[in-house]
């Protein structure tokens, strides 16, 4: 059990039978009375956010979450399918659950799936993935004097800004946390 003094950003709690994460936290101690803990909580299933204030001494049940490494298999247009490499168990996630992470999913990519009561509710990608460039403009002559960027489309359909020297067919490393170009990858 967590106590109100344990509250901080990123802690996961079970409130009203559903997992929530603290996304913002503020502590205040008025002149008289108990300390107050103001929290902005996000429901990990629906994504809705709300504010709650707790007093010192209150207790909370930790959310019973499990994180498992799984391999991305395919997208059938409606669901993204992942498989546990050890048990061969498959789970499916909707487009809303995967969110912007779909821009970096490649077949057989190993990711971490967050499960609550054996139900997938979130995905954690590796920090960097290697993606092949499928479309980009050729570099214009004389654009090398300054830090010039151009739009680059990778094999997943995601478009990002990359340096002018990048060409179609090259393999690049992309930071999945920001969606930015990181470096070229030698094959």
Protein backbone atom coordinates (compact mmCIF):
# COMPACT_ATOMS: atom_id res chain seq x y z
CA UNK A 1 0.00 0.00 0.00
CA UNK A 2 1.13 3.51 -0.82
CA UNK A 3 0.64 6.38 1.61
CA UNK A 4 -0.06 9.93 0.49
CA UNK A 5 3.56 10.82 1.37
CA UNK A 6 4.70 8.32 -1.32
CA UNK A 7 2.87 10.15 -4.12
CA UNK A 8 5.07 11.52 -6.90
CA UNK A 9 5.00 11.93 -10.66
CA UNK A 10 4.92 8.61 -12.52
CA UNK A 11 3.58 6.46 -9.67
CA UNK A 12 0.81 4.05 -10.70
CA UNK A 13 -2.26 3.61 -8.48
CA UNK A 14 -5.52 1.70 -8.64
CA UNK A 15 -8.44 4.09 -8.19
CA UNK A 16 -12.07 2.97 -8.55
CA UNK A 17 -10.87 -0.40 -9.87
CA UNK A 18 -8.82 1.03 -12.76
CA UNK A 19 -5.09 1.86 -13.12
CA UNK A 20 -4.11 5.53 -13.01
CA UNK A 21 -0.75 7.28 -13.25
CA UNK A 22 0.19 10.55 -11.49
CA UNK A 23 1.14 13.01 -14.25
CA UNK A 24 1.53 16.12 -12.06
CA UNK A 25 2.04 16.50 -8.36
CA UNK A 26 2.08 19.38 -5.89
CA UNK A 27 2.60 19.32 -2.12
CA UNK A 28 1.37 22.09 0.17
CA UNK A 29 1.40 22.49 3.93
CA UNK A 30 -1.01 25.15 5.14
CA UNK A 31 -0.23 26.93 8.40
CA UNK A 32 -2.71 24.82 10.31
CA UNK A 33 -4.08 21.39 9.56
CA UNK A 34 -2.91 18.47 7.52
CA UNK A 35 -0.64 18.55 4.49
CA UNK A 36 -2.35 18.47 1.10
CA UNK A 37 -1.25 16.49 -1.94
CA UNK A 38 -2.70 17.82 -5.20
CA UNK A 39 -2.43 15.33 -8.06
CA UNK A 40 -3.35 15.27 -11.71
CA UNK A 41 -4.22 11.67 -12.49
CA UNK A 42 -4.51 9.99 -15.88
CA UNK A 43 -6.61 6.89 -16.43
CA UNK A 44 -4.30 4.40 -18.17
CA UNK A 45 -7.18 2.73 -20.01
CA UNK A 46 -9.30 5.66 -21.24
CA UNK A 47 -6.64 8.38 -21.18
CA UNK A 48 -8.91 10.83 -19.35
CA UNK A 49 -7.29 13.16 -16.82
CA UNK A 50 -8.65 14.71 -13.65
CA UNK A 51 -7.44 16.48 -10.50
CA UNK A 52 -7.73 15.13 -6.97
CA UNK A 53 -6.53 16.42 -3.62
CA UNK A 54 -5.53 14.01 -0.86
CA UNK A 55 -4.71 14.61 2.80
CA UNK A 56 -1.74 13.17 4.64
CA UNK A 57 -2.33 9.69 6.01
CA UNK A 58 -4.51 8.42 3.16
CA UNK A 59 -3.55 5.07 1.61
CA UNK A 60 -3.68 3.84 -1.98
CA UNK A 61 -3.57 0.44 -3.62
CA UNK A 62 -0.74 0.07 -6.16
CA UNK A 63 -1.92 -0.82 -9.66
CA UNK A 64 -1.10 -4.46 -10.39
CA UNK A 65 0.57 -3.96 -13.75
CA UNK A 66 2.81 -6.37 -15.61
CA UNK A 67 5.26 -5.48 -18.36
CA UNK A 68 6.22 -8.22 -20.84
CA UNK A 69 8.54 -8.26 -23.82
CA UNK A 70 6.63 -9.11 -26.96
CA UNK A 71 7.33 -9.17 -30.66
CA UNK A 72 5.29 -7.09 -33.11
CA UNK A 73 3.76 -9.35 -35.75
CA UNK A 74 1.36 -7.42 -37.99
CA UNK A 75 -1.47 -4.91 -38.36
CA UNK A 76 -4.64 -6.28 -39.94
CA UNK A 77 -6.16 -2.81 -40.42
CA UNK A 78 -8.09 -2.95 -37.15
CA UNK A 79 -5.68 -4.41 -34.58
CA UNK A 80 -1.93 -4.51 -33.98
CA UNK A 81 -0.90 -8.04 -32.99
CA UNK A 82 1.99 -8.83 -30.64
CA UNK A 83 3.35 -12.22 -29.52
CA UNK A 84 5.15 -13.30 -26.37
CA UNK A 85 8.30 -15.09 -27.60
CA UNK A 86 8.35 -17.48 -24.63
CA UNK A 87 4.71 -18.59 -24.41
CA UNK A 88 3.63 -17.76 -28.01
CA UNK A 89 0.59 -16.02 -26.50
CA UNK A 90 -0.76 -13.25 -28.75
CA UNK A 91 -2.38 -9.97 -27.73
CA UNK A 92 -4.07 -7.36 -29.87
CA UNK A 93 -4.11 -3.59 -29.41
CA UNK A 94 -6.25 -0.98 -31.14
CA UNK A 95 -4.96 2.00 -33.09
CA UNK A 96 -5.86 4.27 -30.14
CA UNK A 97 -3.88 2.14 -27.69
CA UNK A 98 -0.77 2.10 -29.89
CA UNK A 99 -1.08 5.82 -30.73
CA UNK A 100 1.88 7.53 -32.43
CA UNK A 101 4.11 4.53 -31.66
CA UNK A 102 2.70 2.94 -34.84
CA UNK A 103 5.10 5.19 -36.79
CA UNK A 104 8.04 3.12 -35.54
CA UNK A 105 6.65 -0.44 -35.56
CA UNK A 106 8.49 -2.85 -37.84
CA UNK A 107 7.75 -6.55 -38.24
CA UNK A 108 9.46 -8.62 -35.52
CA UNK A 109 10.40 -5.54 -33.45
CA UNK A 110 10.64 -6.45 -29.74
CA UNK A 111 8.65 -4.03 -27.55
CA UNK A 112 7.38 -3.99 -23.97
CA UNK A 113 3.62 -4.36 -23.54
CA UNK A 114 2.03 -3.08 -20.33
CA UNK A 115 -0.71 -5.44 -19.11
CA UNK A 116 -3.40 -4.83 -16.52
CA UNK A 117 -5.38 -7.91 -15.51
CA UNK A 118 -3.98 -9.72 -18.58
CA UNK A 119 -5.31 -6.92 -20.81
CA UNK A 120 -2.85 -4.80 -22.87
CA UNK A 121 -3.08 -1.09 -22.08
CA UNK A 122 0.22 0.38 -23.23
CA UNK A 123 3.37 -0.06 -25.28
CA UNK A 124 7.00 0.93 -24.72
CA UNK A 125 9.27 1.02 -27.75
CA UNK A 126 13.06 0.77 -27.72
CA UNK A 127 14.62 4.26 -27.61
CA UNK A 128 15.97 3.94 -31.15
CA UNK A 129 14.83 2.01 -34.23
CA UNK A 130 16.48 1.61 -37.64
CA UNK A 131 14.21 2.56 -40.54
CA UNK A 132 14.82 2.61 -44.30
CA UNK A 133 14.18 5.80 -46.29
CA UNK A 134 11.59 5.23 -49.04
CA UNK A 135 11.08 8.79 -50.25
CA UNK A 136 13.08 12.01 -50.10
CA UNK A 137 14.06 14.88 -52.37
CA UNK A 138 17.55 14.89 -53.86
CA UNK A 139 19.95 17.33 -52.17
CA UNK A 140 20.18 20.72 -53.85
CA UNK A 141 23.64 21.85 -54.81
CA UNK A 142 25.17 24.39 -52.46
CA UNK A 143 22.93 23.54 -49.48
CA UNK A 144 25.83 22.17 -47.44
CA UNK A 145 27.00 25.48 -45.96
CA UNK A 146 24.26 25.58 -43.33
CA UNK A 147 22.35 22.99 -41.37
CA UNK A 148 19.67 22.36 -44.01
CA UNK A 149 16.98 19.72 -43.44
CA UNK A 150 14.43 18.15 -45.77
CA UNK A 151 11.40 15.90 -45.34
CA UNK A 152 12.25 12.20 -45.27
CA UNK A 153 9.62 9.42 -45.44
CA UNK A 154 10.58 6.05 -43.93
CA UNK A 155 9.23 2.55 -44.59
CA UNK A 156 6.49 2.83 -41.95
CA UNK A 157 5.02 5.89 -43.70
CA UNK A 158 6.28 8.33 -41.05
CA UNK A 159 7.74 11.63 -42.31
CA UNK A 160 10.44 13.46 -40.37
CA UNK A 161 13.05 16.13 -40.99
CA UNK A 162 16.52 14.85 -41.87
CA UNK A 163 19.81 16.30 -43.12
CA UNK A 164 20.09 17.24 -46.80
CA UNK A 165 22.67 14.50 -47.51
CA UNK A 166 20.22 11.61 -46.91
CA UNK A 167 19.17 9.56 -49.95
CA UNK A 168 16.44 7.01 -50.71
CA UNK A 169 17.29 3.45 -49.69
CA UNK A 170 19.57 4.48 -46.79
CA UNK A 171 19.04 3.09 -43.31
CA UNK A 172 18.71 5.71 -40.55
CA UNK A 173 18.30 5.59 -36.79
CA UNK A 174 15.24 7.39 -35.41
CA UNK A 175 14.66 8.36 -31.76
CA UNK A 176 11.22 6.92 -30.86
CA UNK A 177 10.79 9.29 -27.90
CA UNK A 178 10.94 12.45 -30.05
CA UNK A 179 10.46 11.13 -33.60
CA UNK A 180 13.67 12.87 -34.73
CA UNK A 181 16.50 11.71 -36.96
CA UNK A 182 19.49 10.46 -34.97
CA UNK A 183 22.16 9.12 -37.35
CA UNK A 184 22.84 7.07 -40.48
CA UNK A 185 23.33 3.32 -40.01
CA UNK A 186 26.06 1.51 -41.89
CA UNK A 187 24.96 -1.79 -43.40
